[in-house]
Amino acid sequence: MSEWLSPLHDEFMKRGTVRAFRKNTIVVHEGDPADTLYVVVDGELLVYVDDESGRVMELNRLGPGQYFGELILGTTVRTASVRTLTACKLCLVRRADFELIIAEQPAVAFVR
């Protein structure tokens, strides 16, 4: 689990919703509205961007304890797509709940 997430894991799990995703499911598309932070509970995901010709550039791979979508605080659209590489369980934390967590624990916004 990443250092940033460790103190917040229980808070995210309490306020979020855990949802299962099948292998090869696109969880978010680049350009979609950004309104949710995702915490990986189980499984592996691929973060990528692609172009008009279909070429894919891998940006990252994520596993349990890692997260994506934290840019919801600074943007309104997704900057990359994320697809499951295995069956996954993700904890979805909506923007309003994430903002409440930050309001209660402001230092979270500045941890890297």
N, C-alpha and C. Protein backbone atom coordinates (compact mmCIF):
# COMPACT_ATOMS: atom_id res chain seq x y z
N MET A 1 0.85 -1.17 0.00
CA MET A 1 0.00 0.00 0.00
C MET A 1 0.90 1.23 0.00
N SER A 2 0.56 2.22 -0.79
CA SER A 2 1.40 3.41 -0.86
C SER A 2 1.37 4.18 0.45
N GLU A 3 2.45 4.89 0.72
CA GLU A 3 2.57 5.66 1.96
C GLU A 3 1.45 6.69 2.07
N TRP A 4 1.09 7.32 0.95
CA TRP A 4 0.06 8.34 0.94
C TRP A 4 -1.28 7.76 1.36
N LEU A 5 -1.58 6.56 0.89
CA LEU A 5 -2.88 5.97 1.10
C LEU A 5 -3.04 5.33 2.48
N SER A 6 -1.96 4.84 3.06
CA SER A 6 -2.05 4.07 4.30
C SER A 6 -2.93 4.70 5.38
N PRO A 7 -2.71 5.97 5.75
CA PRO A 7 -3.53 6.53 6.83
C PRO A 7 -4.99 6.76 6.40
N LEU A 8 -5.26 6.74 5.13
CA LEU A 8 -6.61 7.03 4.65
C LEU A 8 -7.39 5.80 4.23
N HIS A 9 -6.74 4.67 4.17
CA HIS A 9 -7.38 3.46 3.65
C HIS A 9 -8.72 3.19 4.34
N ASP A 10 -8.74 3.19 5.67
CA ASP A 10 -9.98 2.90 6.39
C ASP A 10 -11.06 3.93 6.09
N GLU A 11 -10.66 5.19 5.99
CA GLU A 11 -11.62 6.27 5.69
C GLU A 11 -12.21 6.09 4.29
N PHE A 12 -11.38 5.76 3.31
CA PHE A 12 -11.87 5.52 1.96
C PHE A 12 -12.81 4.33 1.93
N MET A 13 -12.44 3.25 2.61
CA MET A 13 -13.26 2.05 2.62
C MET A 13 -14.60 2.32 3.31
N LYS A 14 -14.59 3.16 4.33
CA LYS A 14 -15.82 3.48 5.06
C LYS A 14 -16.77 4.33 4.20
N ARG A 15 -16.22 5.30 3.50
CA ARG A 15 -17.04 6.23 2.72
C ARG A 15 -17.29 5.79 1.29
N GLY A 16 -16.47 4.87 0.81
CA GLY A 16 -16.59 4.44 -0.58
C GLY A 16 -17.48 3.22 -0.75
N THR A 17 -17.58 2.78 -1.99
CA THR A 17 -18.36 1.60 -2.35
C THR A 17 -17.44 0.63 -3.08
N VAL A 18 -17.36 -0.60 -2.60
CA VAL A 18 -16.52 -1.60 -3.26
C VAL A 18 -17.33 -2.26 -4.37
N ARG A 19 -16.71 -2.34 -5.53
CA ARG A 19 -17.37 -2.89 -6.70
C ARG A 19 -16.42 -3.83 -7.44
N ALA A 20 -16.95 -4.91 -7.98
CA ALA A 20 -16.16 -5.88 -8.73
C ALA A 20 -16.21 -5.56 -10.22
N PHE A 21 -15.08 -5.76 -10.91
CA PHE A 21 -14.96 -5.55 -12.35
C PHE A 21 -14.35 -6.79 -12.98
N ARG A 22 -14.88 -7.19 -14.12
CA ARG A 22 -14.32 -8.34 -14.85
C ARG A 22 -13.02 -7.98 -15.52
N LYS A 23 -12.25 -9.00 -15.87
CA LYS A 23 -11.02 -8.82 -16.64
C LYS A 23 -11.35 -8.12 -17.96
N ASN A 24 -10.46 -7.22 -18.39
CA ASN A 24 -10.57 -6.47 -19.65
C ASN A 24 -11.73 -5.46 -19.68
N THR A 25 -12.14 -5.00 -18.52
CA THR A 25 -13.17 -3.96 -18.44
C THR A 25 -12.51 -2.59 -18.41
N ILE A 26 -13.00 -1.68 -19.24
CA ILE A 26 -12.50 -0.31 -19.18
C ILE A 26 -13.26 0.39 -18.05
N VAL A 27 -12.52 0.80 -17.04
CA VAL A 27 -13.11 1.42 -15.85
C VAL A 27 -13.38 2.89 -16.12
N VAL A 28 -12.41 3.59 -16.70
CA VAL A 28 -12.59 4.98 -17.09
C VAL A 28 -11.97 5.20 -18.46
N HIS A 29 -12.58 6.10 -19.22
CA HIS A 29 -12.08 6.48 -20.55
C HIS A 29 -11.47 7.88 -20.46
N GLU A 30 -10.36 8.07 -21.13
CA GLU A 30 -9.78 9.40 -21.25
C GLU A 30 -10.84 10.36 -21.81
N GLY A 31 -11.00 11.51 -21.17
CA GLY A 31 -11.98 12.50 -21.60
C GLY A 31 -13.32 12.40 -20.88
N ASP A 32 -13.58 11.29 -20.18
CA ASP A 32 -14.82 11.15 -19.40
C ASP A 32 -14.82 12.14 -18.25
N PRO A 33 -15.99 12.46 -17.72
CA PRO A 33 -16.05 13.30 -16.52
C PRO A 33 -15.30 12.63 -15.36
N ALA A 34 -14.57 13.43 -14.61
CA ALA A 34 -13.79 12.93 -13.48
C ALA A 34 -14.53 13.27 -12.19
N ASP A 35 -15.15 12.27 -11.59
CA ASP A 35 -15.91 12.52 -10.36
C ASP A 35 -15.69 11.47 -9.28
N THR A 36 -14.73 10.56 -9.51
CA THR A 36 -14.52 9.46 -8.58
C THR A 36 -13.04 9.13 -8.44
N LEU A 37 -12.61 8.87 -7.21
CA LEU A 37 -11.29 8.33 -6.90
C LEU A 37 -11.47 6.82 -6.76
N TYR A 38 -10.54 6.04 -7.29
CA TYR A 38 -10.61 4.58 -7.22
C TYR A 38 -9.42 4.05 -6.42
N VAL A 39 -9.70 3.19 -5.45
CA VAL A 39 -8.66 2.51 -4.68
C VAL A 39 -8.70 1.04 -5.08
N VAL A 40 -7.55 0.49 -5.45
CA VAL A 40 -7.48 -0.91 -5.87
C VAL A 40 -7.47 -1.79 -4.62
N VAL A 41 -8.51 -2.58 -4.46
CA VAL A 41 -8.61 -3.52 -3.35
C VAL A 41 -7.95 -4.84 -3.74
N ASP A 42 -8.21 -5.27 -4.98
CA ASP A 42 -7.67 -6.53 -5.47
C ASP A 42 -7.58 -6.48 -6.99
N GLY A 43 -6.55 -7.08 -7.56
CA GLY A 43 -6.42 -7.17 -9.00
C GLY A 43 -5.34 -6.24 -9.56
N GLU A 44 -5.24 -6.23 -10.89
CA GLU A 44 -4.24 -5.42 -11.58
C GLU A 44 -4.90 -4.64 -12.71
N LEU A 45 -4.49 -3.38 -12.87
CA LEU A 45 -5.06 -2.51 -13.90
C LEU A 45 -3.96 -1.85 -14.72
N LEU A 46 -4.33 -1.46 -15.94
CA LEU A 46 -3.43 -0.76 -16.85
C LEU A 46 -3.94 0.67 -17.05
N VAL A 47 -3.05 1.65 -16.87
CA VAL A 47 -3.36 3.05 -17.14
C VAL A 47 -2.69 3.38 -18.48
N TYR A 48 -3.46 3.95 -19.41
CA TYR A 48 -2.92 4.16 -20.76
C TYR A 48 -3.61 5.33 -21.46
N VAL A 49 -2.98 5.77 -22.54
CA VAL A 49 -3.59 6.71 -23.48
C VAL A 49 -3.46 6.08 -24.86
N ASP A 50 -4.39 6.41 -25.74
CA ASP A 50 -4.28 5.90 -27.11
C ASP A 50 -4.57 7.04 -28.09
N ASP A 51 -4.20 6.82 -29.35
CA ASP A 51 -4.42 7.86 -30.35
C ASP A 51 -5.46 7.39 -31.36
N GLU A 52 -5.74 8.24 -32.33
CA GLU A 52 -6.77 7.95 -33.33
C GLU A 52 -6.50 6.67 -34.12
N SER A 53 -5.23 6.32 -34.28
CA SER A 53 -4.90 5.13 -35.04
C SER A 53 -4.97 3.85 -34.20
N GLY A 54 -5.25 4.00 -32.90
CA GLY A 54 -5.39 2.83 -32.04
C GLY A 54 -4.13 2.43 -31.30
N ARG A 55 -3.04 3.17 -31.51
CA ARG A 55 -1.81 2.86 -30.78
C ARG A 55 -1.99 3.20 -29.31
N VAL A 56 -1.52 2.31 -28.45
CA VAL A 56 -1.69 2.46 -27.01
C VAL A 56 -0.33 2.70 -26.37
N MET A 57 -0.26 3.71 -25.49
CA MET A 57 0.94 3.96 -24.71
C MET A 57 0.63 3.67 -23.24
N GLU A 58 1.32 2.67 -22.70
CA GLU A 58 1.14 2.32 -21.30
C GLU A 58 1.80 3.38 -20.42
N LEU A 59 1.03 3.88 -19.45
CA LEU A 59 1.56 4.87 -18.51
C LEU A 59 1.93 4.25 -17.17
N ASN A 60 1.15 3.24 -16.74
CA ASN A 60 1.37 2.66 -15.42
C ASN A 60 0.57 1.38 -15.29
N ARG A 61 0.97 0.56 -14.34
CA ARG A 61 0.20 -0.61 -13.90
C ARG A 61 -0.05 -0.44 -12.42
N LEU A 62 -1.25 -0.77 -12.00
CA LEU A 62 -1.64 -0.57 -10.60
C LEU A 62 -2.08 -1.89 -9.98
N GLY A 63 -1.81 -2.02 -8.67
CA GLY A 63 -2.22 -3.21 -7.93
C GLY A 63 -2.82 -2.82 -6.59
N PRO A 64 -3.08 -3.82 -5.74
CA PRO A 64 -3.73 -3.58 -4.46
C PRO A 64 -3.04 -2.49 -3.63
N GLY A 65 -3.88 -1.61 -3.06
CA GLY A 65 -3.39 -0.52 -2.22
C GLY A 65 -3.06 0.75 -3.00
N GLN A 66 -3.00 0.66 -4.33
CA GLN A 66 -2.73 1.84 -5.13
C GLN A 66 -4.05 2.48 -5.53
N TYR A 67 -3.98 3.63 -6.14
CA TYR A 67 -5.19 4.39 -6.45
C TYR A 67 -5.02 5.13 -7.76
N PHE A 68 -6.15 5.56 -8.33
CA PHE A 68 -6.14 6.44 -9.50
C PHE A 68 -7.38 7.31 -9.43
N GLY A 69 -7.32 8.42 -10.15
CA GLY A 69 -8.44 9.35 -10.16
C GLY A 69 -8.30 10.48 -9.18
N GLU A 70 -7.13 10.58 -8.52
CA GLU A 70 -6.93 11.65 -7.53
C GLU A 70 -6.92 13.03 -8.17
N LEU A 71 -6.79 13.08 -9.49
CA LEU A 71 -6.81 14.37 -10.18
C LEU A 71 -8.19 15.01 -10.19
N ILE A 72 -9.19 14.34 -9.62
CA ILE A 72 -10.53 14.93 -9.56
C ILE A 72 -10.52 16.26 -8.82
N LEU A 73 -9.49 16.48 -8.02
CA LEU A 73 -9.39 17.74 -7.29
C LEU A 73 -8.94 18.89 -8.18
N GLY A 74 -8.31 18.57 -9.31
CA GLY A 74 -7.76 19.64 -10.14
C GLY A 74 -8.30 19.69 -11.56
N THR A 75 -9.13 18.72 -11.93
CA THR A 75 -9.65 18.69 -13.29
C THR A 75 -11.05 18.11 -13.31
N THR A 76 -11.76 18.32 -14.38
CA THR A 76 -13.12 17.79 -14.48
C THR A 76 -13.22 16.63 -15.47
N VAL A 77 -12.11 16.32 -16.17
CA VAL A 77 -12.12 15.21 -17.13
C VAL A 77 -10.94 14.27 -16.88
N ARG A 78 -11.10 13.03 -17.28
CA ARG A 78 -10.05 12.02 -17.14
C ARG A 78 -8.92 12.31 -18.13
N THR A 79 -7.69 12.16 -17.66
CA THR A 79 -6.53 12.43 -18.50
C THR A 79 -5.96 11.15 -19.11
N ALA A 80 -6.49 9.98 -18.71
CA ALA A 80 -6.04 8.70 -19.24
C ALA A 80 -7.18 7.70 -19.09
N SER A 81 -7.03 6.57 -19.75
CA SER A 81 -7.99 5.47 -19.61
C SER A 81 -7.39 4.42 -18.68
N VAL A 82 -8.27 3.64 -18.04
CA VAL A 82 -7.82 2.57 -17.14
C VAL A 82 -8.65 1.33 -17.45
N ARG A 83 -7.93 0.19 -17.65
CA ARG A 83 -8.57 -1.08 -17.98
C ARG A 83 -8.07 -2.16 -17.03
N THR A 84 -8.96 -3.06 -16.66
CA THR A 84 -8.56 -4.16 -15.79
C THR A 84 -7.76 -5.19 -16.58
N LEU A 85 -6.68 -5.66 -15.99
CA LEU A 85 -5.87 -6.74 -16.59
C LEU A 85 -6.28 -8.09 -16.02
N THR A 86 -6.87 -8.05 -14.83
CA THR A 86 -7.40 -9.24 -14.16
C THR A 86 -8.76 -8.84 -13.60
N ALA A 87 -9.48 -9.79 -13.05
CA ALA A 87 -10.70 -9.43 -12.31
C ALA A 87 -10.25 -8.53 -11.15
N CYS A 88 -11.01 -7.50 -10.87
CA CYS A 88 -10.60 -6.51 -9.86
C CYS A 88 -11.74 -6.17 -8.92
N LYS A 89 -11.35 -5.75 -7.73
CA LYS A 89 -12.27 -5.11 -6.79
C LYS A 89 -11.71 -3.72 -6.54
N LEU A 90 -12.56 -2.72 -6.73
CA LEU A 90 -12.15 -1.33 -6.54
C LEU A 90 -13.09 -0.66 -5.55
N CYS A 91 -12.54 0.21 -4.74
CA CYS A 91 -13.34 1.04 -3.84
C CYS A 91 -13.51 2.39 -4.52
N LEU A 92 -14.75 2.78 -4.80
CA LEU A 92 -15.06 4.03 -5.48
C LEU A 92 -15.41 5.09 -4.45
N VAL A 93 -14.68 6.19 -4.46
CA VAL A 93 -14.93 7.30 -3.54
C VAL A 93 -15.34 8.50 -4.38
N ARG A 94 -16.57 8.91 -4.26
CA ARG A 94 -17.10 10.04 -5.03
C ARG A 94 -16.43 11.34 -4.61
N ARG A 95 -16.42 12.31 -5.53
CA ARG A 95 -15.77 13.60 -5.31
C ARG A 95 -16.22 14.24 -3.99
N ALA A 96 -17.51 14.27 -3.73
CA ALA A 96 -18.03 14.92 -2.51
C ALA A 96 -17.46 14.27 -1.25
N ASP A 97 -17.36 12.94 -1.25
CA ASP A 97 -16.81 12.24 -0.08
C ASP A 97 -15.31 12.49 0.04
N PHE A 98 -14.60 12.51 -1.11
CA PHE A 98 -13.17 12.80 -1.09
C PHE A 98 -12.92 14.21 -0.56
N GLU A 99 -13.74 15.17 -0.98
CA GLU A 99 -13.60 16.54 -0.49
C GLU A 99 -13.88 16.63 1.01
N LEU A 100 -14.84 15.84 1.52
CA LEU A 100 -15.10 15.81 2.97
C LEU A 100 -13.89 15.26 3.73
N ILE A 101 -13.28 14.21 3.19
CA ILE A 101 -12.08 13.64 3.83
C ILE A 101 -10.99 14.70 3.91
N ILE A 102 -10.78 15.43 2.81
CA ILE A 102 -9.75 16.47 2.80
C ILE A 102 -10.11 17.61 3.76
N ALA A 103 -11.38 17.95 3.85
CA ALA A 103 -11.81 19.00 4.78
C ALA A 103 -11.52 18.58 6.23
N GLU A 104 -11.70 17.31 6.52
CA GLU A 104 -11.46 16.79 7.87
C GLU A 104 -9.97 16.57 8.14
N GLN A 105 -9.20 16.29 7.06
CA GLN A 105 -7.77 16.00 7.20
C GLN A 105 -7.02 16.78 6.11
N PRO A 106 -6.92 18.10 6.23
CA PRO A 106 -6.36 18.94 5.16
C PRO A 106 -4.94 18.57 4.72
N ALA A 107 -4.15 17.99 5.59
CA ALA A 107 -2.78 17.63 5.23
C ALA A 107 -2.74 16.62 4.10
N VAL A 108 -3.83 15.86 3.92
CA VAL A 108 -3.91 14.86 2.86
C VAL A 108 -3.66 15.49 1.49
N ALA A 109 -4.13 16.69 1.28
CA ALA A 109 -4.01 17.35 -0.01
C ALA A 109 -2.58 17.67 -0.37
N PHE A 110 -1.68 17.64 0.60
CA PHE A 110 -0.30 18.04 0.36
C PHE A 110 0.69 16.89 0.44
N VAL A 111 0.22 15.68 0.75
CA VAL A 111 1.10 14.52 0.85
C VAL A 111 1.35 13.97 -0.54
N ARG A 112 2.59 13.61 -0.82
CA ARG A 112 2.95 13.04 -2.14
C ARG A 112 3.15 11.57 -2.04
